[in-house]
């Protein structure tokens, strides 16, 4: 079986490649990953015009990881169009050409943002909830999902949609890495009273394991799967578990949630505060029951792996 993988140089893509021998993978994207030979990688854009016939030749399964996640700055006149160019139109262009090339299955890595930005406490998102994206990225992914499922019905292409929550692990960047880096310094952090929200996270190990499961599982066809570590945590508990992973004592200051709300409004960072004190929880029962799948890595083990990477990186500076 030959698998075409987009986004091979990304955080999830590099981890995914470790699961396969070189002769099973063809990579496609802007930048060749370090762990693929040059003849197994095709340089190409993900857009509505690119011809993927060379990349799709002899391919049985497509794993579509590539996406535009952030539009840098506010200078783009029509940001939704920019997201759509790659995340929607580029995805459907690749999928339609996959049909013509005889590809059997198309695994699309979407986003929990298709469900929305936050869940109501005690009512986690499920796979069959109505799509409610609230930003341009989520909307472009939602539109891609809808068109992929229509294409599956029209052509017989087997489509699998996976919506990850926040993905972390060795090599993670952005806010998660910054927070764990702070925890690793042993600084007291002001999250002691942020203990009633619930966040679902997924380690890159668990996400990749689910993707691999969906490559051939017969019951994955034309399904939407939510994925997490199946261990939801409050902000306070998350920092506590990070402290354990880093070998540091946990000391958190009791700052109430209303202080964050005032600060967020004053600094015009309400979205950041909402992520910090709010809930985004998913129910992965459908994923576990349909695929007979459980996350192989615990949240604490995932945190430990991430902490070891960050501490090792600090030691090498």
C-alpha atoms as a PDB file:
ATOM      1  CA  UNK A   1       0.000   0.000   0.000  1.00  0.00           C
ATOM      2  CA  UNK A   2       1.242   3.462  -0.917  1.00  0.00           C
ATOM      3  CA  UNK A   3       0.104   6.409   1.202  1.00  0.00           C
ATOM      4  CA  UNK A   4       0.252  10.026   0.104  1.00  0.00           C
ATOM      5  CA  UNK A   5       0.761  12.379   3.050  1.00  0.00           C
ATOM      6  CA  UNK A   6       0.459  16.150   2.889  1.00  0.00           C
ATOM      7  CA  UNK A   7       2.013  18.331   5.572  1.00  0.00           C
ATOM      8  CA  UNK A   8       4.849  15.876   6.167  1.00  0.00           C
ATOM      9  CA  UNK A   9       7.167  18.527   7.622  1.00  0.00           C
ATOM     10  CA  UNK A  10       4.634  19.634  10.242  1.00  0.00           C
ATOM     11  CA  UNK A  11       4.319  18.654  13.893  1.00  0.00           C
ATOM     12  CA  UNK A  12       1.888  15.781  13.250  1.00  0.00           C
ATOM     13  CA  UNK A  13       3.344  14.842   9.863  1.00  0.00           C
ATOM     14  CA  UNK A  14       6.859  14.151  11.123  1.00  0.00           C
ATOM     15  CA  UNK A  15       5.466  11.925  13.878  1.00  0.00           C
ATOM     16  CA  UNK A  16       3.242  10.086  11.394  1.00  0.00           C
ATOM     17  CA  UNK A  17       6.195   9.283   9.130  1.00  0.00           C
ATOM     18  CA  UNK A  18       7.904   7.432  11.977  1.00  0.00           C
ATOM     19  CA  UNK A  19       5.165   4.774  11.799  1.00  0.00           C
ATOM     20  CA  UNK A  20       5.978   3.641   8.255  1.00  0.00           C
ATOM     21  CA  UNK A  21       8.857   2.453   6.142  1.00  0.00           C
ATOM     22  CA  UNK A  22      10.081   4.867   3.512  1.00  0.00           C
ATOM     23  CA  UNK A  23       8.786   2.852   0.557  1.00  0.00           C
ATOM     24  CA  UNK A  24       5.194   3.128   1.841  1.00  0.00           C
ATOM     25  CA  UNK A  25       5.038   6.942   1.844  1.00  0.00           C
ATOM     26  CA  UNK A  26       4.931   9.709  -0.739  1.00  0.00           C
ATOM     27  CA  UNK A  27       5.139  13.178   0.786  1.00  0.00           C
ATOM     28  CA  UNK A  28       3.655  16.314  -0.740  1.00  0.00           C
ATOM     29  CA  UNK A  29       4.124  19.912   0.343  1.00  0.00           C
ATOM     30  CA  UNK A  30       6.294  22.995   0.296  1.00  0.00           C
ATOM     31  CA  UNK A  31       9.212  21.620   2.293  1.00  0.00           C
ATOM     32  CA  UNK A  32      10.779  18.161   2.320  1.00  0.00           C
ATOM     33  CA  UNK A  33      10.903  16.642   5.808  1.00  0.00           C
ATOM     34  CA  UNK A  34      14.232  15.410   7.135  1.00  0.00           C
ATOM     35  CA  UNK A  35      13.072  11.781   7.316  1.00  0.00           C
ATOM     36  CA  UNK A  36      12.013  11.312   3.685  1.00  0.00           C
ATOM     37  CA  UNK A  37      14.281  10.632   0.732  1.00  0.00           C
ATOM     38  CA  UNK A  38      14.120  13.233  -2.047  1.00  0.00           C
ATOM     39  CA  UNK A  39      12.555  10.816  -4.553  1.00  0.00           C
ATOM     40  CA  UNK A  40       9.661  10.195  -2.144  1.00  0.00           C
ATOM     41  CA  UNK A  41       8.724  13.845  -1.862  1.00  0.00           C
ATOM     42  CA  UNK A  42       6.934  16.040  -4.376  1.00  0.00           C
ATOM     43  CA  UNK A  43       7.074  19.791  -3.937  1.00  0.00           C
ATOM     44  CA  UNK A  44       3.656  21.324  -4.544  1.00  0.00           C
ATOM     45  CA  UNK A  45       1.163  23.854  -3.226  1.00  0.00           C
ATOM     46  CA  UNK A  46      -2.219  22.912  -1.813  1.00  0.00           C
ATOM     47  CA  UNK A  47      -4.642  25.041  -3.836  1.00  0.00           C
ATOM     48  CA  UNK A  48      -7.454  24.813  -6.370  1.00  0.00           C
ATOM     49  CA  UNK A  49      -5.180  24.727  -9.433  1.00  0.00           C
ATOM     50  CA  UNK A  50      -2.287  22.341  -8.694  1.00  0.00           C
ATOM     51  CA  UNK A  51      -2.048  19.126 -10.707  1.00  0.00           C
ATOM     52  CA  UNK A  52      -1.441  16.221  -8.307  1.00  0.00           C
ATOM     53  CA  UNK A  53      -1.442  13.413 -10.868  1.00  0.00           C
ATOM     54  CA  UNK A  54       2.241  12.570 -10.366  1.00  0.00           C
ATOM     55  CA  UNK A  55       1.884  12.455  -6.583  1.00  0.00           C
ATOM     56  CA  UNK A  56      -1.295  10.343  -6.704  1.00  0.00           C
ATOM     57  CA  UNK A  57      -0.025   7.709  -9.099  1.00  0.00           C
ATOM     58  CA  UNK A  58      -0.323   4.273  -7.458  1.00  0.00           C
ATOM     59  CA  UNK A  59      -1.628   5.742  -4.188  1.00  0.00           C
ATOM     60  CA  UNK A  60      -4.289   3.861  -2.178  1.00  0.00           C
ATOM     61  CA  UNK A  61      -4.817   6.271   0.722  1.00  0.00           C
ATOM     62  CA  UNK A  62      -4.388  10.026   1.168  1.00  0.00           C
ATOM     63  CA  UNK A  63      -3.671  11.472   4.624  1.00  0.00           C
ATOM     64  CA  UNK A  64      -4.376  15.189   4.311  1.00  0.00           C
ATOM     65  CA  UNK A  65      -2.651  17.049   7.152  1.00  0.00           C
ATOM     66  CA  UNK A  66      -1.649  20.262   5.391  1.00  0.00           C
ATOM     67  CA  UNK A  67      -3.663  23.372   6.208  1.00  0.00           C
ATOM     68  CA  UNK A  68      -3.446  27.104   6.604  1.00  0.00           C
ATOM     69  CA  UNK A  69      -3.815  27.582  10.351  1.00  0.00           C
ATOM     70  CA  UNK A  70      -2.942  31.233  10.841  1.00  0.00           C
ATOM     71  CA  UNK A  71      -3.132  34.314   8.647  1.00  0.00           C
ATOM     72  CA  UNK A  72      -0.253  36.470   9.864  1.00  0.00           C
ATOM     73  CA  UNK A  73      -1.251  40.021  10.724  1.00  0.00           C
ATOM     74  CA  UNK A  74      -4.397  41.846   9.666  1.00  0.00           C
ATOM     75  CA  UNK A  75      -3.261  43.015   6.244  1.00  0.00           C
ATOM     76  CA  UNK A  76      -5.198  40.384   4.273  1.00  0.00           C
ATOM     77  CA  UNK A  77      -8.223  42.036   2.681  1.00  0.00           C
ATOM     78  CA  UNK A  78     -10.394  38.914   2.622  1.00  0.00           C
ATOM     79  CA  UNK A  79      -9.028  36.468   5.227  1.00  0.00           C
ATOM     80  CA  UNK A  80     -11.808  33.901   4.725  1.00  0.00           C
ATOM     81  CA  UNK A  81     -10.888  33.643   1.039  1.00  0.00           C
ATOM     82  CA  UNK A  82      -7.257  33.012   2.004  1.00  0.00           C
ATOM     83  CA  UNK A  83      -8.251  30.175   4.337  1.00  0.00           C
ATOM     84  CA  UNK A  84     -10.625  28.728   1.759  1.00  0.00           C
ATOM     85  CA  UNK A  85      -7.958  28.721  -0.936  1.00  0.00           C
ATOM     86  CA  UNK A  86      -5.989  26.034   0.922  1.00  0.00           C
ATOM     87  CA  UNK A  87      -8.310  24.469   3.478  1.00  0.00           C
ATOM     88  CA  UNK A  88     -11.419  24.169   1.322  1.00  0.00           C
ATOM     89  CA  UNK A  89     -10.680  24.574  -2.381  1.00  0.00           C
ATOM     90  CA  UNK A  90      -7.236  22.975  -2.138  1.00  0.00           C
ATOM     91  CA  UNK A  91      -8.621  20.025  -0.199  1.00  0.00           C
ATOM     92  CA  UNK A  92     -11.446  19.394  -2.675  1.00  0.00           C
ATOM     93  CA  UNK A  93      -9.098  19.740  -5.644  1.00  0.00           C
ATOM     94  CA  UNK A  94      -6.827  17.093  -4.140  1.00  0.00           C
ATOM     95  CA  UNK A  95      -9.785  14.843  -3.281  1.00  0.00           C
ATOM     96  CA  UNK A  96     -11.344  15.045  -6.753  1.00  0.00           C
ATOM     97  CA  UNK A  97      -8.028  14.181  -8.351  1.00  0.00           C
ATOM     98  CA  UNK A  98      -7.662  11.340  -5.848  1.00  0.00           C
ATOM     99  CA  UNK A  99     -10.955   9.922  -7.130  1.00  0.00           C
ATOM    100  CA  UNK A 100      -9.710  10.109 -10.726  1.00  0.00           C
ATOM    101  CA  UNK A 101      -6.460   8.382  -9.716  1.00  0.00           C
ATOM    102  CA  UNK A 102      -8.322   5.464  -8.122  1.00  0.00           C
ATOM    103  CA  UNK A 103      -7.528   6.321  -4.500  1.00  0.00           C
ATOM    104  CA  UNK A 104      -9.697   4.288  -2.134  1.00  0.00           C
ATOM    105  CA  UNK A 105      -9.682   6.375   1.056  1.00  0.00           C
ATOM    106  CA  UNK A 106      -9.151  10.046   1.920  1.00  0.00           C
ATOM    107  CA  UNK A 107      -8.393  10.821   5.591  1.00  0.00           C
ATOM    108  CA  UNK A 108      -8.947  14.506   6.338  1.00  0.00           C
ATOM    109  CA  UNK A 109      -7.494  16.038   9.493  1.00  0.00           C
ATOM    110  CA  UNK A 110      -9.988  18.747  10.332  1.00  0.00           C
ATOM    111  CA  UNK A 111     -10.319  20.643  13.629  1.00  0.00           C
ATOM    112  CA  UNK A 112     -12.520  20.756  16.704  1.00  0.00           C
ATOM    113  CA  UNK A 113     -13.060  24.399  15.732  1.00  0.00           C
ATOM    114  CA  UNK A 114     -15.680  23.045  13.332  1.00  0.00           C
ATOM    115  CA  UNK A 115     -17.799  22.359  16.433  1.00  0.00           C
ATOM    116  CA  UNK A 116     -17.057  25.758  17.957  1.00  0.00           C
ATOM    117  CA  UNK A 117     -14.672  27.605  20.250  1.00  0.00           C
ATOM    118  CA  UNK A 118     -16.070  26.422  23.588  1.00  0.00           C
ATOM    119  CA  UNK A 119     -18.415  23.846  25.032  1.00  0.00           C
ATOM    120  CA  UNK A 120     -21.018  24.238  27.752  1.00  0.00           C
ATOM    121  CA  UNK A 121     -19.868  22.766  31.095  1.00  0.00           C
ATOM    122  CA  UNK A 122     -21.124  19.209  31.358  1.00  0.00           C
ATOM    123  CA  UNK A 123     -22.082  19.095  27.680  1.00  0.00           C
ATOM    124  CA  UNK A 124     -19.027  18.096  25.622  1.00  0.00           C
ATOM    125  CA  UNK A 125     -19.010  18.261  21.847  1.00  0.00           C
ATOM    126  CA  UNK A 126     -20.002  15.072  20.021  1.00  0.00           C
ATOM    127  CA  UNK A 127     -19.331  13.866  16.493  1.00  0.00           C
ATOM    128  CA  UNK A 128     -22.903  14.449  15.331  1.00  0.00           C
ATOM    129  CA  UNK A 129     -23.349  17.970  16.728  1.00  0.00           C
ATOM    130  CA  UNK A 130     -24.299  20.607  14.200  1.00  0.00           C
ATOM    131  CA  UNK A 131     -21.244  22.431  12.887  1.00  0.00           C
ATOM    132  CA  UNK A 132     -20.841  25.861  14.510  1.00  0.00           C
ATOM    133  CA  UNK A 133     -17.458  27.303  13.498  1.00  0.00           C
ATOM    134  CA  UNK A 134     -16.782  30.764  14.885  1.00  0.00           C
ATOM    135  CA  UNK A 135     -13.646  31.822  13.020  1.00  0.00           C
ATOM    136  CA  UNK A 136     -12.399  31.769   9.436  1.00  0.00           C
ATOM    137  CA  UNK A 137     -10.174  28.738   9.974  1.00  0.00           C
ATOM    138  CA  UNK A 138     -13.017  26.697  11.453  1.00  0.00           C
ATOM    139  CA  UNK A 139     -15.387  27.798   8.714  1.00  0.00           C
ATOM    140  CA  UNK A 140     -12.964  26.788   5.948  1.00  0.00           C
ATOM    141  CA  UNK A 141     -12.496  23.360   7.567  1.00  0.00           C
ATOM    142  CA  UNK A 142     -16.257  22.963   8.007  1.00  0.00           C
ATOM    143  CA  UNK A 143     -16.890  23.726   4.349  1.00  0.00           C
ATOM    144  CA  UNK A 144     -14.202  21.221   3.341  1.00  0.00           C
ATOM    145  CA  UNK A 145     -15.839  18.521   5.484  1.00  0.00           C
ATOM    146  CA  UNK A 146     -19.237  19.157   3.951  1.00  0.00           C
ATOM    147  CA  UNK A 147     -17.911  19.029   0.389  1.00  0.00           C
ATOM    148  CA  UNK A 148     -15.810  15.915   1.067  1.00  0.00           C
ATOM    149  CA  UNK A 149     -18.818  13.995   2.375  1.00  0.00           C
ATOM    150  CA  UNK A 150     -20.818  15.091  -0.668  1.00  0.00           C
ATOM    151  CA  UNK A 151     -17.982  13.899  -2.906  1.00  0.00           C
ATOM    152  CA  UNK A 152     -17.963  10.549  -1.097  1.00  0.00           C
ATOM    153  CA  UNK A 153     -21.665  10.127  -1.769  1.00  0.00           C
ATOM    154  CA  UNK A 154     -21.233  11.159  -5.392  1.00  0.00           C
ATOM    155  CA  UNK A 155     -18.194   9.037  -6.254  1.00  0.00           C
ATOM    156  CA  UNK A 156     -17.719   6.249  -3.708  1.00  0.00           C
ATOM    157  CA  UNK A 157     -14.484   7.708  -2.322  1.00  0.00           C
ATOM    158  CA  UNK A 158     -14.167   6.634   1.311  1.00  0.00           C
ATOM    159  CA  UNK A 159     -13.805   9.778   3.412  1.00  0.00           C
ATOM    160  CA  UNK A 160     -12.686   9.793   7.050  1.00  0.00           C
ATOM    161  CA  UNK A 161     -12.805  13.055   9.014  1.00  0.00           C
ATOM    162  CA  UNK A 162     -10.834  13.503  12.248  1.00  0.00           C
ATOM    163  CA  UNK A 163     -11.312  16.576  14.438  1.00  0.00           C
ATOM    164  CA  UNK A 164      -8.465  16.896  16.960  1.00  0.00           C
ATOM    165  CA  UNK A 165      -8.552  19.063  20.045  1.00  0.00           C
ATOM    166  CA  UNK A 166      -5.364  20.914  21.048  1.00  0.00           C
ATOM    167  CA  UNK A 167      -2.433  18.693  20.027  1.00  0.00           C
ATOM    168  CA  UNK A 168       0.677  18.558  22.212  1.00  0.00           C
ATOM    169  CA  UNK A 169       3.803  16.440  22.505  1.00  0.00           C
ATOM    170  CA  UNK A 170       7.549  16.552  22.009  1.00  0.00           C
ATOM    171  CA  UNK A 171       8.219  19.382  19.582  1.00  0.00           C
ATOM    172  CA  UNK A 172       5.008  21.315  20.289  1.00  0.00           C
ATOM    173  CA  UNK A 173       5.221  25.093  20.003  1.00  0.00           C
ATOM    174  CA  UNK A 174       2.991  28.104  20.726  1.00  0.00           C
ATOM    175  CA  UNK A 175       1.007  28.548  23.960  1.00  0.00           C
ATOM    176  CA  UNK A 176       1.271  24.986  25.269  1.00  0.00           C
ATOM    177  CA  UNK A 177       5.066  25.023  25.001  1.00  0.00           C
ATOM    178  CA  UNK A 178       5.234  28.467  26.612  1.00  0.00           C
ATOM    179  CA  UNK A 179       3.117  27.344  29.562  1.00  0.00           C
ATOM    180  CA  UNK A 180       5.091  24.161  30.146  1.00  0.00           C
ATOM    181  CA  UNK A 181       8.304  26.140  29.878  1.00  0.00           C
ATOM    182  CA  UNK A 182       7.069  28.433  32.664  1.00  0.00           C
ATOM    183  CA  UNK A 183       6.073  25.439  34.791  1.00  0.00           C
ATOM    184  CA  UNK A 184       9.527  23.910  34.259  1.00  0.00           C
ATOM    185  CA  UNK A 185      11.089  27.025  35.827  1.00  0.00           C
ATOM    186  CA  UNK A 186       9.198  26.392  39.062  1.00  0.00           C
ATOM    187  CA  UNK A 187       7.476  29.788  39.030  1.00  0.00           C
ATOM    188  CA  UNK A 188       4.211  30.065  40.993  1.00  0.00           C
ATOM    189  CA  UNK A 189       1.381  30.529  38.495  1.00  0.00           C
ATOM    190  CA  UNK A 190      -2.005  32.199  39.103  1.00  0.00           C
ATOM    191  CA  UNK A 191      -4.335  29.325  38.198  1.00  0.00           C
ATOM    192  CA  UNK A 192      -5.263  27.915  41.611  1.00  0.00           C
ATOM    193  CA  UNK A 193      -8.943  28.870  41.304  1.00  0.00           C
ATOM    194  CA  UNK A 194      -9.358  27.938  37.612  1.00  0.00           C
ATOM    195  CA  UNK A 195     -10.527  24.479  38.599  1.00  0.00           C
ATOM    196  CA  UNK A 196     -14.102  24.171  37.331  1.00  0.00           C
ATOM    197  CA  UNK A 197     -13.486  24.341  33.579  1.00  0.00           C
ATOM    198  CA  UNK A 198     -12.703  21.280  31.452  1.00  0.00           C
ATOM    199  CA  UNK A 199     -10.318  21.042  28.497  1.00  0.00           C
ATOM    200  CA  UNK A 200      -9.788  18.070  26.225  1.00  0.00           C
ATOM    201  CA  UNK A 201      -6.265  17.641  24.869  1.00  0.00           C
ATOM    202  CA  UNK A 202      -4.701  15.030  22.599  1.00  0.00           C
ATOM    203  CA  UNK A 203      -1.081  13.947  22.488  1.00  0.00           C
ATOM    204  CA  UNK A 204       0.446  13.731  19.034  1.00  0.00           C
ATOM    205  CA  UNK A 205       1.105  10.040  19.782  1.00  0.00           C
ATOM    206  CA  UNK A 206      -2.604   9.378  20.298  1.00  0.00           C
ATOM    207  CA  UNK A 207      -3.636  11.423  17.271  1.00  0.00           C
ATOM    208  CA  UNK A 208      -1.213   9.592  14.994  1.00  0.00           C
ATOM    209  CA  UNK A 209      -2.354   6.244  16.371  1.00  0.00           C
ATOM    210  CA  UNK A 210      -5.946   7.111  15.475  1.00  0.00           C
ATOM    211  CA  UNK A 211      -4.936   8.230  11.974  1.00  0.00           C
ATOM    212  CA  UNK A 212      -3.119   4.946  11.424  1.00  0.00           C
ATOM    213  CA  UNK A 213      -6.179   3.051  12.679  1.00  0.00           C
ATOM    214  CA  UNK A 214      -8.379   4.895  10.171  1.00  0.00           C
ATOM    215  CA  UNK A 215      -6.239   3.976   7.176  1.00  0.00           C
ATOM    216  CA  UNK A 216      -7.847   0.559   6.760  1.00  0.00           C
ATOM    217  CA  UNK A 217     -10.519   0.124   9.431  1.00  0.00           C
ATOM    218  CA  UNK A 218     -13.732  -0.866   7.597  1.00  0.00           C
ATOM    219  CA  UNK A 219     -16.000   1.025   9.994  1.00  0.00           C
ATOM    220  CA  UNK A 220     -14.149   4.320   9.534  1.00  0.00           C
ATOM    221  CA  UNK A 221     -15.670   4.896   6.082  1.00  0.00           C
ATOM    222  CA  UNK A 222     -17.527   8.226   5.799  1.00  0.00           C
ATOM    223  CA  UNK A 223     -17.377   8.860   9.545  1.00  0.00           C
ATOM    224  CA  UNK A 224     -16.504  11.904  11.672  1.00  0.00           C
ATOM    225  CA  UNK A 225     -14.300  11.183  14.690  1.00  0.00           C
ATOM    226  CA  UNK A 226     -13.449  13.436  17.620  1.00  0.00           C
ATOM    227  CA  UNK A 227     -10.195  12.612  19.378  1.00  0.00           C
ATOM    228  CA  UNK A 228      -8.641  13.372  22.750  1.00  0.00           C
ATOM    229  CA  UNK A 229      -6.613  11.660  25.479  1.00  0.00           C
ATOM    230  CA  UNK A 230      -9.956  10.814  27.129  1.00  0.00           C
ATOM    231  CA  UNK A 231      -8.825  12.613  30.284  1.00  0.00           C
ATOM    232  CA  UNK A 232     -10.221  16.129  30.547  1.00  0.00           C
ATOM    233  CA  UNK A 233      -8.583  18.606  32.910  1.00  0.00           C
ATOM    234  CA  UNK A 234      -9.176  22.039  34.377  1.00  0.00           C
ATOM    235  CA  UNK A 235      -6.475  24.671  33.900  1.00  0.00           C
ATOM    236  CA  UNK A 236      -5.425  24.159  37.520  1.00  0.00           C
ATOM    237  CA  UNK A 237      -5.174  20.384  37.114  1.00  0.00           C
ATOM    238  CA  UNK A 238      -3.322  20.727  33.820  1.00  0.00           C
ATOM    239  CA  UNK A 239      -0.627  22.884  35.443  1.00  0.00           C
ATOM    240  CA  UNK A 240      -0.427  20.443  38.364  1.00  0.00           C
ATOM    241  CA  UNK A 241       0.200  17.551  35.974  1.00  0.00           C
ATOM    242  CA  UNK A 242       2.759  19.622  34.083  1.00  0.00           C
ATOM    243  CA  UNK A 243       4.569  20.237  37.375  1.00  0.00           C
ATOM    244  CA  UNK A 244       4.719  16.498  38.045  1.00  0.00           C
ATOM    245  CA  UNK A 245       6.029  15.897  34.528  1.00  0.00           C
ATOM    246  CA  UNK A 246       8.737  18.520  35.009  1.00  0.00           C
ATOM    247  CA  UNK A 247       9.689  17.285  38.489  1.00  0.00           C
ATOM    248  CA  UNK A 248       8.694  20.580  40.093  1.00  0.00           C
ATOM    249  CA  UNK A 249       6.550  21.400  43.115  1.00  0.00           C
ATOM    250  CA  UNK A 250       3.100  22.663  42.262  1.00  0.00           C
ATOM    251  CA  UNK A 251       2.278  26.071  43.719  1.00  0.00           C
ATOM    252  CA  UNK A 252      -0.583  28.050  42.199  1.00  0.00           C
ATOM    253  CA  UNK A 253      -1.867  31.414  43.363  1.00  0.00           C
ATOM    254  CA  UNK A 254      -5.636  31.700  44.041  1.00  0.00           C
ATOM    255  CA  UNK A 255      -6.558  34.354  41.455  1.00  0.00           C
ATOM    256  CA  UNK A 256     -10.337  34.313  40.749  1.00  0.00           C
ATOM    257  CA  UNK A 257     -11.707  33.993  37.221  1.00  0.00           C
ATOM    258  CA  UNK A 258     -13.280  37.482  37.267  1.00  0.00           C
ATOM    259  CA  UNK A 259      -9.819  39.024  37.462  1.00  0.00           C
ATOM    260  CA  UNK A 260      -8.917  37.345  34.190  1.00  0.00           C
ATOM    261  CA  UNK A 261     -12.097  38.608  32.565  1.00  0.00           C
ATOM    262  CA  UNK A 262     -11.331  42.197  33.566  1.00  0.00           C
ATOM    263  CA  UNK A 263      -7.715  41.894  32.398  1.00  0.00           C
ATOM    264  CA  UNK A 264      -8.810  40.328  29.113  1.00  0.00           C
ATOM    265  CA  UNK A 265     -11.260  43.129  28.428  1.00  0.00           C
ATOM    266  CA  UNK A 266      -8.730  45.820  29.334  1.00  0.00           C
ATOM    267  CA  UNK A 267      -5.989  44.274  27.181  1.00  0.00           C
ATOM    268  CA  UNK A 268      -8.390  43.303  24.382  1.00  0.00           C
ATOM    269  CA  UNK A 269      -7.416  39.660  24.880  1.00  0.00           C
ATOM    270  CA  UNK A 270     -10.836  38.210  25.649  1.00  0.00           C
ATOM    271  CA  UNK A 271     -10.236  35.258  23.323  1.00  0.00           C
ATOM    272  CA  UNK A 272      -7.058  34.304  25.196  1.00  0.00           C
ATOM    273  CA  UNK A 273      -8.846  34.544  28.542  1.00  0.00           C
ATOM    274  CA  UNK A 274     -11.767  32.477  27.260  1.00  0.00           C
ATOM    275  CA  UNK A 275      -9.381  29.667  26.333  1.00  0.00           C
ATOM    276  CA  UNK A 276      -7.714  29.891  29.735  1.00  0.00           C
ATOM    277  CA  UNK A 277     -10.794  29.869  31.958  1.00  0.00           C
ATOM    278  CA  UNK A 278     -13.415  28.347  29.645  1.00  0.00           C
ATOM    279  CA  UNK A 279     -14.212  24.767  28.631  1.00  0.00           C
ATOM    280  CA  UNK A 280     -13.637  22.908  25.400  1.00  0.00           C
ATOM    281  CA  UNK A 281     -14.523  19.309  26.056  1.00  0.00           C
ATOM    282  CA  UNK A 282     -15.202  16.466  23.621  1.00  0.00           C
ATOM    283  CA  UNK A 283     -16.932  13.121  23.961  1.00  0.00           C
ATOM    284  CA  UNK A 284     -14.956  10.450  22.085  1.00  0.00           C
ATOM    285  CA  UNK A 285     -17.385   7.598  22.786  1.00  0.00           C
ATOM    286  CA  UNK A 286     -18.267   7.294  19.090  1.00  0.00           C
ATOM    287  CA  UNK A 287     -14.582   7.060  18.165  1.00  0.00           C
ATOM    288  CA  UNK A 288     -13.829   4.396  20.773  1.00  0.00           C
ATOM    289  CA  UNK A 289     -16.906   2.294  20.091  1.00  0.00           C
ATOM    290  CA  UNK A 290     -16.854   2.452  16.276  1.00  0.00           C
ATOM    291  CA  UNK A 291     -13.155   1.683  15.916  1.00  0.00           C
ATOM    292  CA  UNK A 292     -12.668  -0.361  19.091  1.00  0.00           C
ATOM    293  CA  UNK A 293      -9.950   2.183  19.866  1.00  0.00           C
ATOM    294  CA  UNK A 294      -8.571   3.599  23.090  1.00  0.00           C
ATOM    295  CA  UNK A 295      -5.814   6.227  23.344  1.00  0.00           C
ATOM    296  CA  UNK A 296      -2.579   4.257  23.852  1.00  0.00           C
ATOM    297  CA  UNK A 297      -0.822   7.058  25.733  1.00  0.00           C
ATOM    298  CA  UNK A 298      -2.105   8.522  29.004  1.00  0.00           C
ATOM    299  CA  UNK A 299      -2.253  12.283  29.445  1.00  0.00           C
ATOM    300  CA  UNK A 300       0.381  12.137  32.196  1.00  0.00           C
ATOM    301  CA  UNK A 301       2.752  10.108  30.003  1.00  0.00           C
ATOM    302  CA  UNK A 302       2.164  12.556  27.169  1.00  0.00           C
ATOM    303  CA  UNK A 303       3.003  15.466  29.467  1.00  0.00           C
ATOM    304  CA  UNK A 304       6.147  13.669  30.639  1.00  0.00           C
ATOM    305  CA  UNK A 305       7.307  13.119  27.060  1.00  0.00           C
ATOM    306  CA  UNK A 306       6.691  16.780  26.280  1.00  0.00           C
ATOM    307  CA  UNK A 307       8.447  17.960  29.453  1.00  0.00           C
ATOM    308  CA  UNK A 308      11.491  15.770  28.745  1.00  0.00           C
ATOM    309  CA  UNK A 309      11.772  17.344  25.300  1.00  0.00           C
ATOM    310  CA  UNK A 310      11.511  20.886  26.670  1.00  0.00           C
ATOM    311  CA  UNK A 311      13.960  20.251  29.521  1.00  0.00           C
ATOM    312  CA  UNK A 312      16.429  18.614  27.139  1.00  0.00           C
ATOM    313  CA  UNK A 313      16.131  21.596  24.814  1.00  0.00           C
ATOM    314  CA  UNK A 314      16.833  23.956  27.720  1.00  0.00           C
ATOM    315  CA  UNK A 315      19.878  21.899  28.695  1.00  0.00           C
ATOM    316  CA  UNK A 316      21.312  22.101  25.196  1.00  0.00           C
ATOM    317  CA  UNK A 317      21.187  25.886  25.044  1.00  0.00           C
END
